[in-house]
Amino acid sequence: MCLLCACRGYRQIELGEIAADQLLKIDPERSGNYVQLLNLYGEAGLWDKAAELRMLMKERMIKKSPGCSWIEVRDKVDLFFSGDSSSPRTVEIHATLKSLRRIMVNNEVSLEVVIS
């Protein structure tokens, strides 16, 4: 997995495909292996290969695990999953994000700089 991630970082597509092929032979049901290869393809603009890989995942019934984040405020930890809006604070969270985005745009702050 480390080699595949490094290939993504250095845009070594062929070596990344070899690493992914080996990972998929060892553990064909591990979604992370597919996701890293998808990321490699996406960053390289290889959308056809990414689509083929998505179809293979669908055929094999491999599902990507949702992204997860957490935050601690006043000794309380809130856990969030990508695409999950079941939190009782969802409306408040989205309003805060919208406000932060507006402030960043008004101050010409790059989202890429903040995320990095």
PDB file of N, CA and C in Angstrom:
ATOM      1  N   MET A   1       0.831  -1.191   0.000  1.00  0.00           N
ATOM      2  CA  MET A   1       0.000   0.000   0.000  1.00  0.00           C
ATOM      3  C   MET A   1       0.873   1.251   0.000  1.00  0.00           C
ATOM      4  N   CYS A   2       1.970   1.214   0.755  1.00  0.00           N
ATOM      5  CA  CYS A   2       2.856   2.382   0.810  1.00  0.00           C
ATOM      6  C   CYS A   2       3.420   2.707  -0.565  1.00  0.00           C
ATOM      7  N   LEU A   3       3.793   1.668  -1.308  1.00  0.00           N
ATOM      8  CA  LEU A   3       4.335   1.888  -2.649  1.00  0.00           C
ATOM      9  C   LEU A   3       3.274   2.503  -3.554  1.00  0.00           C
ATOM     10  N   LEU A   4       2.061   1.999  -3.474  1.00  0.00           N
ATOM     11  CA  LEU A   4       0.972   2.547  -4.292  1.00  0.00           C
ATOM     12  C   LEU A   4       0.733   4.020  -3.949  1.00  0.00           C
ATOM     13  N   CYS A   5       0.720   4.359  -2.684  1.00  0.00           N
ATOM     14  CA  CYS A   5       0.531   5.753  -2.270  1.00  0.00           C
ATOM     15  C   CYS A   5       1.681   6.631  -2.750  1.00  0.00           C
ATOM     16  N   ALA A   6       2.904   6.101  -2.676  1.00  0.00           N
ATOM     17  CA  ALA A   6       4.064   6.858  -3.151  1.00  0.00           C
ATOM     18  C   ALA A   6       3.973   7.079  -4.662  1.00  0.00           C
ATOM     19  N   CYS A   7       3.504   6.070  -5.384  1.00  0.00           N
ATOM     20  CA  CYS A   7       3.344   6.203  -6.835  1.00  0.00           C
ATOM     21  C   CYS A   7       2.345   7.303  -7.160  1.00  0.00           C
ATOM     22  N   ARG A   8       1.328   7.407  -6.362  1.00  0.00           N
ATOM     23  CA  ARG A   8       0.356   8.479  -6.545  1.00  0.00           C
ATOM     24  C   ARG A   8       1.029   9.834  -6.338  1.00  0.00           C
ATOM     25  N   GLY A   9       1.820   9.942  -5.290  1.00  0.00           N
ATOM     26  CA  GLY A   9       2.497  11.194  -4.988  1.00  0.00           C
ATOM     27  C   GLY A   9       3.492  11.617  -6.057  1.00  0.00           C
ATOM     28  N   TYR A  10       4.142  10.618  -6.673  1.00  0.00           N
ATOM     29  CA  TYR A  10       5.153  10.910  -7.692  1.00  0.00           C
ATOM     30  C   TYR A  10       4.637  10.681  -9.112  1.00  0.00           C
ATOM     31  N   ARG A  11       3.335  10.404  -9.214  1.00  0.00           N
ATOM     32  CA  ARG A  11       2.683  10.187 -10.519  1.00  0.00           C
ATOM     33  C   ARG A  11       3.367   9.120 -11.361  1.00  0.00           C
ATOM     34  N   GLN A  12       3.694   8.024 -10.720  1.00  0.00           N
ATOM     35  CA  GLN A  12       4.290   6.871 -11.389  1.00  0.00           C
ATOM     36  C   GLN A  12       3.182   5.861 -11.669  1.00  0.00           C
ATOM     37  N   ILE A  13       2.450   6.091 -12.760  1.00  0.00           N
ATOM     38  CA  ILE A  13       1.248   5.320 -13.069  1.00  0.00           C
ATOM     39  C   ILE A  13       1.545   3.833 -13.253  1.00  0.00           C
ATOM     40  N   GLU A  14       2.520   3.510 -14.092  1.00  0.00           N
ATOM     41  CA  GLU A  14       2.804   2.102 -14.387  1.00  0.00           C
ATOM     42  C   GLU A  14       3.213   1.327 -13.136  1.00  0.00           C
ATOM     43  N   LEU A  15       4.116   1.892 -12.355  1.00  0.00           N
ATOM     44  CA  LEU A  15       4.536   1.223 -11.125  1.00  0.00           C
ATOM     45  C   LEU A  15       3.366   1.114 -10.147  1.00  0.00           C
ATOM     46  N   GLY A  16       2.538   2.140 -10.107  1.00  0.00           N
ATOM     47  CA  GLY A  16       1.351   2.107  -9.247  1.00  0.00           C
ATOM     48  C   GLY A  16       0.397   1.004  -9.648  1.00  0.00           C
ATOM     49  N   GLU A  17       0.229   0.802 -10.949  1.00  0.00           N
ATOM     50  CA  GLU A  17      -0.641  -0.282 -11.425  1.00  0.00           C
ATOM     51  C   GLU A  17      -0.079  -1.653 -11.036  1.00  0.00           C
ATOM     52  N   ILE A  18       1.236  -1.789 -11.109  1.00  0.00           N
ATOM     53  CA  ILE A  18       1.866  -3.061 -10.710  1.00  0.00           C
ATOM     54  C   ILE A  18       1.647  -3.295  -9.219  1.00  0.00           C
ATOM     55  N   ALA A  19       1.866  -2.258  -8.413  1.00  0.00           N
ATOM     56  CA  ALA A  19       1.664  -2.376  -6.965  1.00  0.00           C
ATOM     57  C   ALA A  19       0.211  -2.721  -6.651  1.00  0.00           C
ATOM     58  N   ALA A  20      -0.723  -2.032  -7.324  1.00  0.00           N
ATOM     59  CA  ALA A  20      -2.149  -2.279  -7.086  1.00  0.00           C
ATOM     60  C   ALA A  20      -2.527  -3.693  -7.508  1.00  0.00           C
ATOM     61  N   ASP A  21      -1.986  -4.160  -8.625  1.00  0.00           N
ATOM     62  CA  ASP A  21      -2.272  -5.512  -9.090  1.00  0.00           C
ATOM     63  C   ASP A  21      -1.871  -6.536  -8.037  1.00  0.00           C
ATOM     64  N   GLN A  22      -0.700  -6.346  -7.441  1.00  0.00           N
ATOM     65  CA  GLN A  22      -0.240  -7.261  -6.389  1.00  0.00           C
ATOM     66  C   GLN A  22      -1.140  -7.176  -5.151  1.00  0.00           C
ATOM     67  N   LEU A  23      -1.504  -5.964  -4.771  1.00  0.00           N
ATOM     68  CA  LEU A  23      -2.389  -5.790  -3.614  1.00  0.00           C
ATOM     69  C   LEU A  23      -3.744  -6.454  -3.846  1.00  0.00           C
ATOM     70  N   LEU A  24      -4.269  -6.313  -5.050  1.00  0.00           N
ATOM     71  CA  LEU A  24      -5.579  -6.894  -5.358  1.00  0.00           C
ATOM     72  C   LEU A  24      -5.518  -8.417  -5.429  1.00  0.00           C
ATOM     73  N   LYS A  25      -4.364  -8.969  -5.780  1.00  0.00           N
ATOM     74  CA  LYS A  25      -4.202 -10.429  -5.756  1.00  0.00           C
ATOM     75  C   LYS A  25      -4.175 -10.940  -4.318  1.00  0.00           C
ATOM     76  N   ILE A  26      -3.504 -10.170  -3.450  1.00  0.00           N
ATOM     77  CA  ILE A  26      -3.381 -10.566  -2.044  1.00  0.00           C
ATOM     78  C   ILE A  26      -4.711 -10.415  -1.309  1.00  0.00           C
ATOM     79  N   ASP A  27      -5.381  -9.297  -1.529  1.00  0.00           N
ATOM     80  CA  ASP A  27      -6.628  -9.004  -0.797  1.00  0.00           C
ATOM     81  C   ASP A  27      -7.623  -8.319  -1.733  1.00  0.00           C
ATOM     82  N   PRO A  28      -8.320  -9.105  -2.559  1.00  0.00           N
ATOM     83  CA  PRO A  28      -9.217  -8.527  -3.564  1.00  0.00           C
ATOM     84  C   PRO A  28     -10.477  -7.863  -3.003  1.00  0.00           C
ATOM     85  N   GLU A  29     -10.730  -8.022  -1.713  1.00  0.00           N
ATOM     86  CA  GLU A  29     -11.941  -7.435  -1.127  1.00  0.00           C
ATOM     87  C   GLU A  29     -11.661  -6.157  -0.339  1.00  0.00           C
ATOM     88  N   ARG A  30     -10.417  -5.761  -0.239  1.00  0.00           N
ATOM     89  CA  ARG A  30     -10.069  -4.557   0.534  1.00  0.00           C
ATOM     90  C   ARG A  30     -10.309  -3.316  -0.325  1.00  0.00           C
ATOM     91  N   SER A  31     -11.266  -2.516   0.068  1.00  0.00           N
ATOM     92  CA  SER A  31     -11.664  -1.355  -0.731  1.00  0.00           C
ATOM     93  C   SER A  31     -10.569  -0.301  -0.836  1.00  0.00           C
ATOM     94  N   GLY A  32      -9.723  -0.189   0.183  1.00  0.00           N
ATOM     95  CA  GLY A  32      -8.674   0.821   0.177  1.00  0.00           C
ATOM     96  C   GLY A  32      -7.707   0.666  -0.988  1.00  0.00           C
ATOM     97  N   ASN A  33      -7.456  -0.564  -1.394  1.00  0.00           N
ATOM     98  CA  ASN A  33      -6.572  -0.801  -2.533  1.00  0.00           C
ATOM     99  C   ASN A  33      -7.158  -0.205  -3.804  1.00  0.00           C
ATOM    100  N   TYR A  34      -8.452  -0.387  -3.999  1.00  0.00           N
ATOM    101  CA  TYR A  34      -9.129   0.154  -5.172  1.00  0.00           C
ATOM    102  C   TYR A  34      -9.162   1.685  -5.110  1.00  0.00           C
ATOM    103  N   VAL A  35      -9.436   2.203  -3.934  1.00  0.00           N
ATOM    104  CA  VAL A  35      -9.556   3.653  -3.766  1.00  0.00           C
ATOM    105  C   VAL A  35      -8.237   4.348  -4.083  1.00  0.00           C
ATOM    106  N   GLN A  36      -7.133   3.784  -3.609  1.00  0.00           N
ATOM    107  CA  GLN A  36      -5.837   4.401  -3.904  1.00  0.00           C
ATOM    108  C   GLN A  36      -5.537   4.386  -5.394  1.00  0.00           C
ATOM    109  N   LEU A  37      -5.888   3.294  -6.073  1.00  0.00           N
ATOM    110  CA  LEU A  37      -5.690   3.230  -7.519  1.00  0.00           C
ATOM    111  C   LEU A  37      -6.621   4.211  -8.230  1.00  0.00           C
ATOM    112  N   LEU A  38      -7.848   4.326  -7.741  1.00  0.00           N
ATOM    113  CA  LEU A  38      -8.777   5.316  -8.299  1.00  0.00           C
ATOM    114  C   LEU A  38      -8.220   6.724  -8.156  1.00  0.00           C
ATOM    115  N   ASN A  39      -7.649   7.025  -6.999  1.00  0.00           N
ATOM    116  CA  ASN A  39      -7.051   8.341  -6.774  1.00  0.00           C
ATOM    117  C   ASN A  39      -5.874   8.585  -7.721  1.00  0.00           C
ATOM    118  N   LEU A  40      -5.069   7.555  -7.924  1.00  0.00           N
ATOM    119  CA  LEU A  40      -3.934   7.660  -8.850  1.00  0.00           C
ATOM    120  C   LEU A  40      -4.443   7.980 -10.256  1.00  0.00           C
ATOM    121  N   TYR A  41      -5.450   7.250 -10.694  1.00  0.00           N
ATOM    122  CA  TYR A  41      -6.029   7.491 -12.022  1.00  0.00           C
ATOM    123  C   TYR A  41      -6.656   8.879 -12.114  1.00  0.00           C
ATOM    124  N   GLY A  42      -7.400   9.263 -11.090  1.00  0.00           N
ATOM    125  CA  GLY A  42      -8.078  10.556 -11.098  1.00  0.00           C
ATOM    126  C   GLY A  42      -7.096  11.713 -11.187  1.00  0.00           C
ATOM    127  N   GLU A  43      -6.045  11.669 -10.391  1.00  0.00           N
ATOM    128  CA  GLU A  43      -5.066  12.755 -10.397  1.00  0.00           C
ATOM    129  C   GLU A  43      -4.285  12.817 -11.703  1.00  0.00           C
ATOM    130  N   ALA A  44      -4.198  11.668 -12.396  1.00  0.00           N
ATOM    131  CA  ALA A  44      -3.493  11.634 -13.675  1.00  0.00           C
ATOM    132  C   ALA A  44      -4.434  11.930 -14.845  1.00  0.00           C
ATOM    133  N   GLY A  45      -5.729  12.111 -14.544  1.00  0.00           N
ATOM    134  CA  GLY A  45      -6.699  12.391 -15.599  1.00  0.00           C
ATOM    135  C   GLY A  45      -7.055  11.176 -16.435  1.00  0.00           C
ATOM    136  N   LEU A  46      -6.823   9.990 -15.897  1.00  0.00           N
ATOM    137  CA  LEU A  46      -7.128   8.748 -16.613  1.00  0.00           C
ATOM    138  C   LEU A  46      -8.541   8.299 -16.272  1.00  0.00           C
ATOM    139  N   TRP A  47      -9.512   9.050 -16.757  1.00  0.00           N
ATOM    140  CA  TRP A  47     -10.909   8.836 -16.379  1.00  0.00           C
ATOM    141  C   TRP A  47     -11.472   7.525 -16.921  1.00  0.00           C
ATOM    142  N   ASP A  48     -11.014   7.084 -18.086  1.00  0.00           N
ATOM    143  CA  ASP A  48     -11.488   5.807 -18.630  1.00  0.00           C
ATOM    144  C   ASP A  48     -11.050   4.648 -17.735  1.00  0.00           C
ATOM    145  N   LYS A  49      -9.800   4.681 -17.303  1.00  0.00           N
ATOM    146  CA  LYS A  49      -9.305   3.626 -16.416  1.00  0.00           C
ATOM    147  C   LYS A  49     -10.027   3.673 -15.072  1.00  0.00           C
ATOM    148  N   ALA A  50     -10.301   4.867 -14.594  1.00  0.00           N
ATOM    149  CA  ALA A  50     -11.021   5.008 -13.328  1.00  0.00           C
ATOM    150  C   ALA A  50     -12.430   4.432 -13.458  1.00  0.00           C
ATOM    151  N   ALA A  51     -13.085   4.692 -14.585  1.00  0.00           N
ATOM    152  CA  ALA A  51     -14.439   4.169 -14.811  1.00  0.00           C
ATOM    153  C   ALA A  51     -14.427   2.639 -14.877  1.00  0.00           C
ATOM    154  N   GLU A  52     -13.417   2.092 -15.543  1.00  0.00           N
ATOM    155  CA  GLU A  52     -13.296   0.628 -15.616  1.00  0.00           C
ATOM    156  C   GLU A  52     -13.114   0.032 -14.225  1.00  0.00           C
ATOM    157  N   LEU A  53     -12.296   0.681 -13.423  1.00  0.00           N
ATOM    158  CA  LEU A  53     -12.053   0.194 -12.069  1.00  0.00           C
ATOM    159  C   LEU A  53     -13.314   0.293 -11.223  1.00  0.00           C
ATOM    160  N   ARG A  54     -14.070   1.362 -11.387  1.00  0.00           N
ATOM    161  CA  ARG A  54     -15.353   1.500 -10.667  1.00  0.00           C
ATOM    162  C   ARG A  54     -16.307   0.365 -11.052  1.00  0.00           C
ATOM    163  N   MET A  55     -16.336   0.023 -12.348  1.00  0.00           N
ATOM    164  CA  MET A  55     -17.188  -1.078 -12.801  1.00  0.00           C
ATOM    165  C   MET A  55     -16.735  -2.405 -12.180  1.00  0.00           C
ATOM    166  N   LEU A  56     -15.421  -2.619 -12.114  1.00  0.00           N
ATOM    167  CA  LEU A  56     -14.892  -3.829 -11.492  1.00  0.00           C
ATOM    168  C   LEU A  56     -15.297  -3.887 -10.019  1.00  0.00           C
ATOM    169  N   MET A  57     -15.212  -2.747  -9.338  1.00  0.00           N
ATOM    170  CA  MET A  57     -15.635  -2.695  -7.938  1.00  0.00           C
ATOM    171  C   MET A  57     -17.106  -3.051  -7.811  1.00  0.00           C
ATOM    172  N   LYS A  58     -17.911  -2.547  -8.735  1.00  0.00           N
ATOM    173  CA  LYS A  58     -19.350  -2.824  -8.702  1.00  0.00           C
ATOM    174  C   LYS A  58     -19.611  -4.311  -8.936  1.00  0.00           C
ATOM    175  N   GLU A  59     -18.907  -4.879  -9.913  1.00  0.00           N
ATOM    176  CA  GLU A  59     -19.064  -6.311 -10.201  1.00  0.00           C
ATOM    177  C   GLU A  59     -18.679  -7.168  -9.005  1.00  0.00           C
ATOM    178  N   ARG A  60     -17.633  -6.770  -8.322  1.00  0.00           N
ATOM    179  CA  ARG A  60     -17.145  -7.521  -7.165  1.00  0.00           C
ATOM    180  C   ARG A  60     -17.846  -7.116  -5.870  1.00  0.00           C
ATOM    181  N   MET A  61     -18.782  -6.181  -5.987  1.00  0.00           N
ATOM    182  CA  MET A  61     -19.547  -5.668  -4.848  1.00  0.00           C
ATOM    183  C   MET A  61     -18.626  -5.091  -3.765  1.00  0.00           C
ATOM    184  N   ILE A  62     -17.608  -4.359  -4.216  1.00  0.00           N
ATOM    185  CA  ILE A  62     -16.680  -3.687  -3.310  1.00  0.00           C
ATOM    186  C   ILE A  62     -17.187  -2.273  -3.099  1.00  0.00           C
ATOM    187  N   LYS A  63     -17.403  -1.908  -1.860  1.00  0.00           N
ATOM    188  CA  LYS A  63     -17.880  -0.568  -1.544  1.00  0.00           C
ATOM    189  C   LYS A  63     -16.799   0.197  -0.798  1.00  0.00           C
ATOM    190  N   LYS A  64     -16.658   1.451  -1.154  1.00  0.00           N
ATOM    191  CA  LYS A  64     -15.702   2.331  -0.493  1.00  0.00           C
ATOM    192  C   LYS A  64     -16.230   2.690   0.893  1.00  0.00           C
ATOM    193  N   SER A  65     -15.362   2.623   1.874  1.00  0.00           N
ATOM    194  CA  SER A  65     -15.742   3.044   3.217  1.00  0.00           C
ATOM    195  C   SER A  65     -15.915   4.557   3.220  1.00  0.00           C
ATOM    196  N   PRO A  66     -16.944   5.062   3.899  1.00  0.00           N
ATOM    197  CA  PRO A  66     -17.145   6.514   3.902  1.00  0.00           C
ATOM    198  C   PRO A  66     -16.038   7.232   4.661  1.00  0.00           C
ATOM    199  N   GLY A  67     -15.762   8.455   4.240  1.00  0.00           N
ATOM    200  CA  GLY A  67     -14.793   9.286   4.945  1.00  0.00           C
ATOM    201  C   GLY A  67     -15.310   9.618   6.335  1.00  0.00           C
ATOM    202  N   CYS A  68     -14.408   9.844   7.241  1.00  0.00           N
ATOM    203  CA  CYS A  68     -14.799  10.096   8.623  1.00  0.00           C
ATOM    204  C   CYS A  68     -13.945  11.222   9.200  1.00  0.00           C
ATOM    205  N   SER A  69     -14.580  12.106   9.941  1.00  0.00           N
ATOM    206  CA  SER A  69     -13.880  13.182  10.641  1.00  0.00           C
ATOM    207  C   SER A  69     -14.479  13.318  12.026  1.00  0.00           C
ATOM    208  N   TRP A  70     -13.712  13.879  12.918  1.00  0.00           N
ATOM    209  CA  TRP A  70     -14.240  14.164  14.243  1.00  0.00           C
ATOM    210  C   TRP A  70     -13.662  15.465  14.756  1.00  0.00           C
ATOM    211  N   ILE A  71     -14.404  16.041  15.698  1.00  0.00           N
ATOM    212  CA  ILE A  71     -13.980  17.297  16.301  1.00  0.00           C
ATOM    213  C   ILE A  71     -14.375  17.266  17.773  1.00  0.00           C
ATOM    214  N   GLU A  72     -13.514  17.830  18.597  1.00  0.00           N
ATOM    215  CA  GLU A  72     -13.802  17.910  20.023  1.00  0.00           C
ATOM    216  C   GLU A  72     -14.027  19.364  20.392  1.00  0.00           C
ATOM    217  N   VAL A  73     -15.180  19.641  20.964  1.00  0.00           N
ATOM    218  CA  VAL A  73     -15.523  20.983  21.413  1.00  0.00           C
ATOM    219  C   VAL A  73     -16.087  20.866  22.827  1.00  0.00           C
ATOM    220  N   ARG A  74     -15.480  21.590  23.746  1.00  0.00           N
ATOM    221  CA  ARG A  74     -15.918  21.586  25.150  1.00  0.00           C
ATOM    222  C   ARG A  74     -16.030  20.163  25.709  1.00  0.00           C
ATOM    223  N   ASP A  75     -14.981  19.390  25.533  1.00  0.00           N
ATOM    224  CA  ASP A  75     -14.884  18.017  26.054  1.00  0.00           C
ATOM    225  C   ASP A  75     -15.928  17.063  25.472  1.00  0.00           C
ATOM    226  N   LYS A  76     -16.518  17.411  24.345  1.00  0.00           N
ATOM    227  CA  LYS A  76     -17.475  16.528  23.673  1.00  0.00           C
ATOM    228  C   LYS A  76     -16.970  16.266  22.264  1.00  0.00           C
ATOM    229  N   VAL A  77     -16.909  14.989  21.894  1.00  0.00           N
ATOM    230  CA  VAL A  77     -16.430  14.604  20.569  1.00  0.00           C
ATOM    231  C   VAL A  77     -17.622  14.320  19.665  1.00  0.00           C
ATOM    232  N   ASP A  78     -17.630  14.974  18.511  1.00  0.00           N
ATOM    233  CA  ASP A  78     -18.642  14.714  17.493  1.00  0.00           C
ATOM    234  C   ASP A  78     -17.955  13.994  16.342  1.00  0.00           C
ATOM    235  N   LEU A  79     -18.570  12.929  15.846  1.00  0.00           N
ATOM    236  CA  LEU A  79     -18.049  12.109  14.762  1.00  0.00           C
ATOM    237  C   LEU A  79     -18.928  12.307  13.536  1.00  0.00           C
ATOM    238  N   PHE A  80     -18.302  12.489  12.380  1.00  0.00           N
ATOM    239  CA  PHE A  80     -19.035  12.735  11.148  1.00  0.00           C
ATOM    240  C   PHE A  80     -18.568  11.777  10.066  1.00  0.00           C
ATOM    241  N   PHE A  81     -19.517  11.245   9.313  1.00  0.00           N
ATOM    242  CA  PHE A  81     -19.204  10.395   8.166  1.00  0.00           C
ATOM    243  C   PHE A  81     -19.639  11.100   6.898  1.00  0.00           C
ATOM    244  N   SER A  82     -18.869  10.913   5.849  1.00  0.00           N
ATOM    245  CA  SER A  82     -19.183  11.507   4.558  1.00  0.00           C
ATOM    246  C   SER A  82     -20.579  11.087   4.105  1.00  0.00           C
ATOM    247  N   GLY A  83     -21.379  12.056   3.728  1.00  0.00           N
ATOM    248  CA  GLY A  83     -22.722  11.769   3.226  1.00  0.00           C
ATOM    249  C   GLY A  83     -23.762  11.517   4.304  1.00  0.00           C
ATOM    250  N   ASP A  84     -23.371  11.552   5.566  1.00  0.00           N
ATOM    251  CA  ASP A  84     -24.297  11.288   6.660  1.00  0.00           C
ATOM    252  C   ASP A  84     -24.806  12.615   7.217  1.00  0.00           C
ATOM    253  N   SER A  85     -26.095  12.798   7.201  1.00  0.00           N
ATOM    254  CA  SER A  85     -26.668  14.036   7.734  1.00  0.00           C
ATOM    255  C   SER A  85     -27.563  13.753   8.937  1.00  0.00           C
ATOM    256  N   SER A  86     -27.267  12.675   9.656  1.00  0.00           N
ATOM    257  CA  SER A  86     -28.118  12.293  10.782  1.00  0.00           C
ATOM    258  C   SER A  86     -27.778  13.024  12.082  1.00  0.00           C
ATOM    259  N   SER A  87     -26.683  13.768  12.089  1.00  0.00           N
ATOM    260  CA  SER A  87     -26.318  14.504  13.295  1.00  0.00           C
ATOM    261  C   SER A  87     -27.383  15.556  13.597  1.00  0.00           C
ATOM    262  N   PRO A  88     -27.747  15.713  14.859  1.00  0.00           N
ATOM    263  CA  PRO A  88     -28.722  16.746  15.203  1.00  0.00           C
ATOM    264  C   PRO A  88     -28.191  18.157  14.943  1.00  0.00           C
ATOM    265  N   ARG A  89     -26.886  18.267  14.703  1.00  0.00           N
ATOM    266  CA  ARG A  89     -26.272  19.575  14.473  1.00  0.00           C
ATOM    267  C   ARG A  89     -25.946  19.812  12.990  1.00  0.00           C
ATOM    268  N   THR A  90     -26.483  18.981  12.099  1.00  0.00           N
ATOM    269  CA  THR A  90     -26.175  19.083  10.673  1.00  0.00           C
ATOM    270  C   THR A  90     -26.460  20.473  10.121  1.00  0.00           C
ATOM    271  N   VAL A  91     -27.607  21.034  10.424  1.00  0.00           N
ATOM    272  CA  VAL A  91     -27.975  22.356   9.912  1.00  0.00           C
ATOM    273  C   VAL A  91     -26.986  23.402  10.420  1.00  0.00           C
ATOM    274  N   GLU A  92     -26.668  23.329  11.701  1.00  0.00           N
ATOM    275  CA  GLU A  92     -25.717  24.268  12.298  1.00  0.00           C
ATOM    276  C   GLU A  92     -24.327  24.122  11.662  1.00  0.00           C
ATOM    277  N   ILE A  93     -23.900  22.896  11.421  1.00  0.00           N
ATOM    278  CA  ILE A  93     -22.584  22.637  10.815  1.00  0.00           C
ATOM    279  C   ILE A  93     -22.524  23.222   9.412  1.00  0.00           C
ATOM    280  N   HIS A  94     -23.539  22.960   8.611  1.00  0.00           N
ATOM    281  CA  HIS A  94     -23.552  23.470   7.239  1.00  0.00           C
ATOM    282  C   HIS A  94     -23.622  25.001   7.206  1.00  0.00           C
ATOM    283  N   ALA A  95     -24.355  25.582   8.136  1.00  0.00           N
ATOM    284  CA  ALA A  95     -24.426  27.049   8.204  1.00  0.00           C
ATOM    285  C   ALA A  95     -23.047  27.631   8.553  1.00  0.00           C
ATOM    286  N   THR A  96     -22.357  26.984   9.480  1.00  0.00           N
ATOM    287  CA  THR A  96     -21.014  27.440   9.857  1.00  0.00           C
ATOM    288  C   THR A  96     -20.051  27.314   8.687  1.00  0.00           C
ATOM    289  N   LEU A  97     -20.096  26.193   7.975  1.00  0.00           N
ATOM    290  CA  LEU A  97     -19.229  26.009   6.809  1.00  0.00           C
ATOM    291  C   LEU A  97     -19.514  27.046   5.726  1.00  0.00           C
ATOM    292  N   LYS A  98     -20.784  27.328   5.507  1.00  0.00           N
ATOM    293  CA  LYS A  98     -21.158  28.333   4.508  1.00  0.00           C
ATOM    294  C   LYS A  98     -20.617  29.711   4.911  1.00  0.00           C
ATOM    295  N   SER A  99     -20.717  30.022   6.190  1.00  0.00           N
ATOM    296  CA  SER A  99     -20.210  31.296   6.690  1.00  0.00           C
ATOM    297  C   SER A  99     -18.692  31.379   6.544  1.00  0.00           C
ATOM    298  N   LEU A 100     -17.998  30.311   6.886  1.00  0.00           N
ATOM    299  CA  LEU A 100     -16.537  30.286   6.745  1.00  0.00           C
ATOM    300  C   LEU A 100     -16.117  30.436   5.284  1.00  0.00           C
ATOM    301  N   ARG A 101     -16.834  29.779   4.412  1.00  0.00           N
ATOM    302  CA  ARG A 101     -16.525  29.881   2.982  1.00  0.00           C
ATOM    303  C   ARG A 101     -16.696  31.321   2.495  1.00  0.00           C
ATOM    304  N   ARG A 102     -17.775  31.967   2.926  1.00  0.00           N
ATOM    305  CA  ARG A 102     -18.039  33.360   2.541  1.00  0.00           C
ATOM    306  C   ARG A 102     -16.912  34.270   3.038  1.00  0.00           C
ATOM    307  N   ILE A 103     -16.491  34.073   4.288  1.00  0.00           N
ATOM    308  CA  ILE A 103     -15.396  34.869   4.855  1.00  0.00           C
ATOM    309  C   ILE A 103     -14.117  34.648   4.050  1.00  0.00           C
ATOM    310  N   MET A 104     -13.840  33.388   3.704  1.00  0.00           N
ATOM    311  CA  MET A 104     -12.627  33.076   2.946  1.00  0.00           C
ATOM    312  C   MET A 104     -12.659  33.713   1.564  1.00  0.00           C
ATOM    313  N   VAL A 105     -13.795  33.655   0.903  1.00  0.00           N
ATOM    314  CA  VAL A 105     -13.920  34.251  -0.435  1.00  0.00           C
ATOM    315  C   VAL A 105     -13.756  35.759  -0.347  1.00  0.00           C
ATOM    316  N   ASN A 106     -14.399  36.374   0.634  1.00  0.00           N
ATOM    317  CA  ASN A 106     -14.290  37.829   0.805  1.00  0.00           C
ATOM    318  C   ASN A 106     -12.861  38.270   1.118  1.00  0.00           C
ATOM    319  N   ASN A 107     -12.111  37.431   1.796  1.00  0.00           N
ATOM    320  CA  ASN A 107     -10.727  37.754   2.139  1.00  0.00           C
ATOM    321  C   ASN A 107      -9.732  37.140   1.150  1.00  0.00           C
ATOM    322  N   GLU A 108     -10.251  36.585   0.075  1.00  0.00           N
ATOM    323  CA  GLU A 108      -9.440  35.978  -0.979  1.00  0.00           C
ATOM    324  C   GLU A 108      -8.471  34.932  -0.440  1.00  0.00           C
ATOM    325  N   VAL A 109      -8.963  34.107   0.476  1.00  0.00           N
ATOM    326  CA  VAL A 109      -8.161  33.014   1.027  1.00  0.00           C
ATOM    327  C   VAL A 109      -8.401  31.787   0.161  1.00  0.00           C
ATOM    328  N   SER A 110      -7.328  31.160  -0.269  1.00  0.00           N
ATOM    329  CA  SER A 110      -7.443  29.974  -1.101  1.00  0.00           C
ATOM    330  C   SER A 110      -7.857  28.787  -0.249  1.00  0.00           C
ATOM    331  N   LEU A 111      -8.864  28.035  -0.710  1.00  0.00           N
ATOM    332  CA  LEU A 111      -9.284  26.828   0.005  1.00  0.00           C
ATOM    333  C   LEU A 111      -8.160  25.810   0.016  1.00  0.00           C
ATOM    334  N   GLU A 112      -7.361  25.767  -1.041  1.00  0.00           N
ATOM    335  CA  GLU A 112      -6.266  24.806  -1.114  1.00  0.00           C
ATOM    336  C   GLU A 112      -5.236  25.069  -0.022  1.00  0.00           C
ATOM    337  N   VAL A 113      -4.981  26.319   0.275  1.00  0.00           N
ATOM    338  CA  VAL A 113      -3.999  26.660   1.309  1.00  0.00           C
ATOM    339  C   VAL A 113      -4.513  26.226   2.664  1.00  0.00           C
ATOM    340  N   VAL A 114      -5.794  26.410   2.932  1.00  0.00           N
ATOM    341  CA  VAL A 114      -6.364  26.071   4.227  1.00  0.00           C
ATOM    342  C   VAL A 114      -6.407  24.573   4.427  1.00  0.00           C
ATOM    343  N   ILE A 115      -6.730  23.838   3.393  1.00  0.00           N
ATOM    344  CA  ILE A 115      -6.856  22.385   3.493  1.00  0.00           C
ATOM    345  C   ILE A 115      -5.497  21.722   3.633  1.00  0.00           C
ATOM    346  N   SER A 116      -4.476  22.265   3.004  1.00  0.00           N
ATOM    347  CA  SER A 116      -3.146  21.628   3.011  1.00  0.00           C
ATOM    348  C   SER A 116      -2.559  21.495   4.380  1.00  0.00           C
TER     349      SER A 116
END
